[in-house]
């Protein structure tokens, strides 16, 4: 699974719980770009 996919799933999950997750979403996406968007997570 790619890091960007994992982050997208996690953000969707947190938002489905009704949480305001905008700033954390930006941080995670910035981290993803830093590490490499195509980073493979095992």
PDB file of N, CA and C in Angstrom:
ATOM      1  N   UNK A   1       0.850  -1.167   0.000  1.00  0.00           N
ATOM      2  CA  UNK A   1       0.000   0.000   0.000  1.00  0.00           C
ATOM      3  C   UNK A   1       0.898   1.234   0.000  1.00  0.00           C
ATOM      4  N   UNK A   2       0.526   2.219  -0.774  1.00  0.00           N
ATOM      5  CA  UNK A   2       1.285   3.466  -0.858  1.00  0.00           C
ATOM      6  C   UNK A   2       0.923   4.380   0.306  1.00  0.00           C
ATOM      7  N   UNK A   3       1.881   5.184   0.716  1.00  0.00           N
ATOM      8  CA  UNK A   3       1.687   6.096   1.837  1.00  0.00           C
ATOM      9  C   UNK A   3       0.512   7.040   1.592  1.00  0.00           C
ATOM     10  N   UNK A   4       0.391   7.565   0.380  1.00  0.00           N
ATOM     11  CA  UNK A   4      -0.706   8.496   0.096  1.00  0.00           C
ATOM     12  C   UNK A   4      -2.061   7.820   0.258  1.00  0.00           C
ATOM     13  N   UNK A   5      -2.161   6.552  -0.129  1.00  0.00           N
ATOM     14  CA  UNK A   5      -3.416   5.807   0.030  1.00  0.00           C
ATOM     15  C   UNK A   5      -3.736   5.609   1.504  1.00  0.00           C
ATOM     16  N   UNK A   6      -2.731   5.262   2.266  1.00  0.00           N
ATOM     17  CA  UNK A   6      -2.917   5.037   3.697  1.00  0.00           C
ATOM     18  C   UNK A   6      -3.357   6.322   4.400  1.00  0.00           C
ATOM     19  N   UNK A   7      -2.734   7.424   4.054  1.00  0.00           N
ATOM     20  CA  UNK A   7      -3.109   8.707   4.644  1.00  0.00           C
ATOM     21  C   UNK A   7      -4.536   9.071   4.260  1.00  0.00           C
ATOM     22  N   UNK A   8      -4.900   8.876   3.006  1.00  0.00           N
ATOM     23  CA  UNK A   8      -6.260   9.195   2.556  1.00  0.00           C
ATOM     24  C   UNK A   8      -7.293   8.380   3.331  1.00  0.00           C
ATOM     25  N   UNK A   9      -7.019   7.100   3.541  1.00  0.00           N
ATOM     26  CA  UNK A   9      -7.941   6.247   4.300  1.00  0.00           C
ATOM     27  C   UNK A   9      -8.048   6.716   5.744  1.00  0.00           C
ATOM     28  N   UNK A  10      -6.924   7.059   6.344  1.00  0.00           N
ATOM     29  CA  UNK A  10      -6.912   7.495   7.738  1.00  0.00           C
ATOM     30  C   UNK A  10      -7.676   8.810   7.908  1.00  0.00           C
ATOM     31  N   UNK A  11      -7.445   9.744   7.006  1.00  0.00           N
ATOM     32  CA  UNK A  11      -8.137  11.034   7.065  1.00  0.00           C
ATOM     33  C   UNK A  11      -9.636  10.826   6.899  1.00  0.00           C
ATOM     34  N   UNK A  12     -10.016   9.990   5.957  1.00  0.00           N
ATOM     35  CA  UNK A  12     -11.440   9.698   5.741  1.00  0.00           C
ATOM     36  C   UNK A  12     -12.057   9.091   7.001  1.00  0.00           C
ATOM     37  N   UNK A  13     -11.344   8.182   7.640  1.00  0.00           N
ATOM     38  CA  UNK A  13     -11.821   7.554   8.871  1.00  0.00           C
ATOM     39  C   UNK A  13     -12.028   8.587   9.971  1.00  0.00           C
ATOM     40  N   UNK A  14     -11.031   9.444  10.189  1.00  0.00           N
ATOM     41  CA  UNK A  14     -11.134  10.450  11.256  1.00  0.00           C
ATOM     42  C   UNK A  14     -12.277  11.425  10.995  1.00  0.00           C
ATOM     43  N   UNK A  15     -12.446  11.816   9.732  1.00  0.00           N
ATOM     44  CA  UNK A  15     -13.544  12.722   9.392  1.00  0.00           C
ATOM     45  C   UNK A  15     -14.896  12.039   9.558  1.00  0.00           C
ATOM     46  N   UNK A  16     -14.951  10.730   9.313  1.00  0.00           N
ATOM     47  CA  UNK A  16     -16.211   9.999   9.484  1.00  0.00           C
ATOM     48  C   UNK A  16     -16.626   9.949  10.949  1.00  0.00           C
ATOM     49  N   UNK A  17     -15.666  10.131  11.846  1.00  0.00           N
ATOM     50  CA  UNK A  17     -15.961  10.184  13.273  1.00  0.00           C
ATOM     51  C   UNK A  17     -16.432  11.571  13.693  1.00  0.00           C
ATOM     52  N   UNK A  18     -16.479  12.485  12.737  1.00  0.00           N
ATOM     53  CA  UNK A  18     -16.953  13.830  13.015  1.00  0.00           C
ATOM     54  C   UNK A  18     -15.885  14.772  13.523  1.00  0.00           C
ATOM     55  N   UNK A  19     -14.640  14.379  13.389  1.00  0.00           N
ATOM     56  CA  UNK A  19     -13.555  15.212  13.895  1.00  0.00           C
ATOM     57  C   UNK A  19     -13.134  16.245  12.856  1.00  0.00           C
ATOM     58  N   UNK A  20     -12.777  17.428  13.337  1.00  0.00           N
ATOM     59  CA  UNK A  20     -12.201  18.449  12.474  1.00  0.00           C
ATOM     60  C   UNK A  20     -10.728  18.086  12.316  1.00  0.00           C
ATOM     61  N   UNK A  21     -10.357  17.641  11.155  1.00  0.00           N
ATOM     62  CA  UNK A  21      -9.040  17.038  10.964  1.00  0.00           C
ATOM     63  C   UNK A  21      -8.211  17.801   9.929  1.00  0.00           C
ATOM     64  N   UNK A  22      -8.597  19.046   9.640  1.00  0.00           N
ATOM     65  CA  UNK A  22      -7.966  19.794   8.553  1.00  0.00           C
ATOM     66  C   UNK A  22      -6.471  20.044   8.774  1.00  0.00           C
ATOM     67  N   UNK A  23      -6.085  20.550   9.936  1.00  0.00           N
ATOM     68  CA  UNK A  23      -4.666  20.868  10.144  1.00  0.00           C
ATOM     69  C   UNK A  23      -3.822  19.593  10.196  1.00  0.00           C
ATOM     70  N   UNK A  24      -4.342  18.563  10.817  1.00  0.00           N
ATOM     71  CA  UNK A  24      -3.602  17.296  10.849  1.00  0.00           C
ATOM     72  C   UNK A  24      -3.516  16.675   9.459  1.00  0.00           C
ATOM     73  N   UNK A  25      -4.560  16.844   8.668  1.00  0.00           N
ATOM     74  CA  UNK A  25      -4.525  16.339   7.298  1.00  0.00           C
ATOM     75  C   UNK A  25      -3.413  17.029   6.512  1.00  0.00           C
ATOM     76  N   UNK A  26      -3.299  18.339   6.657  1.00  0.00           N
ATOM     77  CA  UNK A  26      -2.224  19.071   5.970  1.00  0.00           C
ATOM     78  C   UNK A  26      -0.851  18.576   6.418  1.00  0.00           C
ATOM     79  N   UNK A  27      -0.695  18.351   7.705  1.00  0.00           N
ATOM     80  CA  UNK A  27       0.598  17.851   8.218  1.00  0.00           C
ATOM     81  C   UNK A  27       0.935  16.480   7.630  1.00  0.00           C
ATOM     82  N   UNK A  28      -0.053  15.602   7.592  1.00  0.00           N
ATOM     83  CA  UNK A  28       0.187  14.263   7.052  1.00  0.00           C
ATOM     84  C   UNK A  28       0.520  14.310   5.566  1.00  0.00           C
ATOM     85  N   UNK A  29      -0.170  15.151   4.825  1.00  0.00           N
ATOM     86  CA  UNK A  29       0.111  15.259   3.388  1.00  0.00           C
ATOM     87  C   UNK A  29       1.490  15.884   3.136  1.00  0.00           C
ATOM     88  N   UNK A  30       1.880  16.834   3.972  1.00  0.00           N
ATOM     89  CA  UNK A  30       3.221  17.416   3.866  1.00  0.00           C
ATOM     90  C   UNK A  30       4.275  16.357   4.162  1.00  0.00           C
ATOM     91  N   UNK A  31       4.044  15.563   5.194  1.00  0.00           N
ATOM     92  CA  UNK A  31       4.949  14.461   5.527  1.00  0.00           C
ATOM     93  C   UNK A  31       5.054  13.483   4.358  1.00  0.00           C
ATOM     94  N   UNK A  32       3.921  13.183   3.743  1.00  0.00           N
ATOM     95  CA  UNK A  32       3.903  12.264   2.611  1.00  0.00           C
ATOM     96  C   UNK A  32       4.770  12.791   1.469  1.00  0.00           C
ATOM     97  N   UNK A  33       4.666  14.075   1.179  1.00  0.00           N
ATOM     98  CA  UNK A  33       5.491  14.661   0.116  1.00  0.00           C
ATOM     99  C   UNK A  33       6.972  14.618   0.488  1.00  0.00           C
ATOM    100  N   UNK A  34       7.287  14.841   1.769  1.00  0.00           N
ATOM    101  CA  UNK A  34       8.669  14.812   2.236  1.00  0.00           C
ATOM    102  C   UNK A  34       9.270  13.414   2.082  1.00  0.00           C
ATOM    103  N   UNK A  35       8.529  12.408   2.491  1.00  0.00           N
ATOM    104  CA  UNK A  35       9.015  11.029   2.441  1.00  0.00           C
ATOM    105  C   UNK A  35       9.037  10.514   1.007  1.00  0.00           C
ATOM    106  N   UNK A  36       8.087  10.953   0.240  1.00  0.00           N
ATOM    107  CA  UNK A  36       7.928  10.473  -1.128  1.00  0.00           C
ATOM    108  C   UNK A  36       6.542   9.875  -1.261  1.00  0.00           C
ATOM    109  N   UNK A  37       5.743  10.474  -2.113  1.00  0.00           N
ATOM    110  CA  UNK A  37       4.341  10.081  -2.210  1.00  0.00           C
ATOM    111  C   UNK A  37       4.163   8.630  -2.628  1.00  0.00           C
ATOM    112  N   UNK A  38       5.144   8.081  -3.310  1.00  0.00           N
ATOM    113  CA  UNK A  38       5.006   6.698  -3.761  1.00  0.00           C
ATOM    114  C   UNK A  38       5.665   5.708  -2.803  1.00  0.00           C
ATOM    115  N   UNK A  39       5.989   6.166  -1.591  1.00  0.00           N
ATOM    116  CA  UNK A  39       6.610   5.283  -0.599  1.00  0.00           C
ATOM    117  C   UNK A  39       5.685   4.106  -0.313  1.00  0.00           C
ATOM    118  N   UNK A  40       6.239   2.935  -0.348  1.00  0.00           N
ATOM    119  CA  UNK A  40       5.469   1.713  -0.122  1.00  0.00           C
ATOM    120  C   UNK A  40       5.492   1.365   1.365  1.00  0.00           C
ATOM    121  N   UNK A  41       4.313   1.166   1.931  1.00  0.00           N
ATOM    122  CA  UNK A  41       4.170   0.820   3.343  1.00  0.00           C
ATOM    123  C   UNK A  41       3.809  -0.656   3.438  1.00  0.00           C
ATOM    124  N   UNK A  42       4.532  -1.378   4.232  1.00  0.00           N
ATOM    125  CA  UNK A  42       4.260  -2.821   4.365  1.00  0.00           C
ATOM    126  C   UNK A  42       3.531  -3.111   5.628  1.00  0.00           C
TER     127      UNK A  42
END
